[in-house]
Protein backbone atom coordinates (compact mmCIF):
# COMPACT_ATOMS: atom_id res chain seq x y z
CA MET A 1 -32.76 -7.70 167.44
CA THR A 2 -31.39 -9.22 164.69
CA LYS A 3 -33.79 -11.87 163.07
CA GLY A 4 -31.12 -14.26 162.04
CA THR A 5 -28.87 -16.71 164.01
CA GLN A 6 -29.36 -15.55 167.39
CA ALA A 7 -32.89 -15.46 167.08
CA GLN A 8 -33.02 -19.15 166.09
CA GLY A 9 -32.45 -20.65 169.61
CA LYS A 10 -35.78 -17.93 171.25
CA ARG A 11 -38.18 -20.14 169.26
CA GLY A 12 -38.57 -23.34 171.73
CA ASN A 13 -40.98 -22.38 173.90
CA LYS A 14 -45.39 -22.50 173.97
CA SER A 15 -47.07 -19.19 174.91
CA HIS A 16 -50.53 -21.87 173.52
CA MET A 17 -51.66 -24.68 173.83
CA LEU A 18 -55.71 -26.40 172.81
CA CYS A 19 -58.54 -25.77 174.25
CA ARG A 20 -60.26 -27.85 176.22
CA ARG A 21 -63.21 -26.32 174.44
CA CYS A 22 -62.46 -25.06 171.04
CA GLY A 23 -59.79 -27.21 169.90
CA LYS A 24 -57.52 -24.19 168.85
CA ARG A 25 -54.35 -23.51 169.86
CA SER A 26 -54.60 -21.01 171.60
CA TYR A 27 -55.90 -21.13 175.39
CA HIS A 28 -52.95 -18.96 177.29
CA ILE A 29 -51.07 -21.51 179.72
CA GLN A 30 -49.91 -18.39 181.98
CA LYS A 31 -53.08 -16.68 182.06
CA HIS A 32 -55.15 -19.70 181.60
CA LYS A 33 -57.43 -18.53 179.57
CA CYS A 34 -58.37 -19.14 175.34
CA SER A 35 -57.97 -15.96 172.97
CA SER A 36 -60.34 -17.17 171.16
CA CYS A 37 -63.76 -19.05 172.72
CA GLY A 38 -62.11 -17.30 176.71
CA TYR A 39 -62.68 -20.75 177.82
CA PRO A 40 -63.04 -21.33 181.28
CA SER A 41 -66.22 -18.68 180.92
CA SER A 42 -68.63 -19.74 180.82
CA LYS A 43 -69.72 -17.45 178.45
CA MET A 44 -68.51 -17.77 174.62
CA ARG A 45 -65.95 -14.34 173.19
CA LYS A 46 -68.12 -13.17 171.05
CA TYR A 47 -67.96 -9.10 170.01
CA ASN A 48 -70.33 -6.65 167.45
CA TRP A 49 -66.50 -5.78 165.62
CA ALA A 50 -65.76 -9.07 164.53
CA ALA A 51 -69.18 -9.82 162.57
CA LYS A 52 -67.36 -12.72 160.86
CA ALA A 53 -66.73 -14.43 162.83
CA LYS A 54 -69.65 -14.29 165.14
CA LYS A 55 -71.88 -16.13 161.63
CA LYS A 56 -68.41 -18.39 161.31
CA LYS A 57 -69.09 -19.90 164.60
CA ASN A 58 -72.46 -19.51 165.31
CA SER A 59 -73.12 -21.55 161.62
CA TRP A 60 -73.90 -25.29 161.72
CA ASN A 61 -73.09 -25.16 158.06
CA TRP A 62 -69.64 -23.90 158.27
CA LYS A 63 -68.77 -26.95 160.85
CA ASN A 64 -70.79 -29.19 159.00
CA GLU A 65 -68.07 -28.35 155.81
CA ILE A 66 -64.88 -28.72 158.22
CA HIS A 67 -65.93 -32.22 158.87
CA GLU A 68 -66.78 -32.95 156.13
CA LYS A 69 -63.52 -32.37 154.25
CA SER A 70 -61.84 -34.27 156.89
CA PRO A 71 -59.70 -37.26 156.10
CA LYS A 72 -60.06 -38.82 159.51
CA LYS A 73 -64.68 -38.99 158.09
CA ILE A 74 -63.27 -39.55 154.93
CA GLN A 75 -61.48 -42.10 156.08
CA THR A 76 -63.49 -44.37 157.59
CA GLN A 77 -66.35 -43.88 155.20
CA PHE A 78 -64.34 -45.22 152.75
CA GLN A 79 -64.19 -48.90 155.62
CA ARG A 80 -67.46 -48.92 156.04
CA ARG A 81 -68.28 -49.25 151.86
CA TRP A 82 -65.73 -51.45 150.63
CA TYR A 83 -65.71 -53.75 154.45
CA PRO A 84 -68.75 -53.40 156.40
CA ASN A 85 -69.03 -55.16 160.01
CA GLU A 86 -70.20 -58.87 159.29
CA THR A 87 -72.92 -60.46 161.98
């Protein structure tokens, strides 16, 4: 197969969408299953050969670091600091 002009027209279809549980773009539309967390299964997807991923998903500190650096949280903190609610 060619990777040039002919292949550019075949890039418009999406096989994955955002997952409700984990929020990643890994929910397969036709299979109705998330490749990251295993949704809609009641148990979270995890394997022993991926020890780092298990730590990453279960660690509270890792999630907290992401939320602390998110621009939306920084923006709301800035608004609260300089524009307090007058009651």
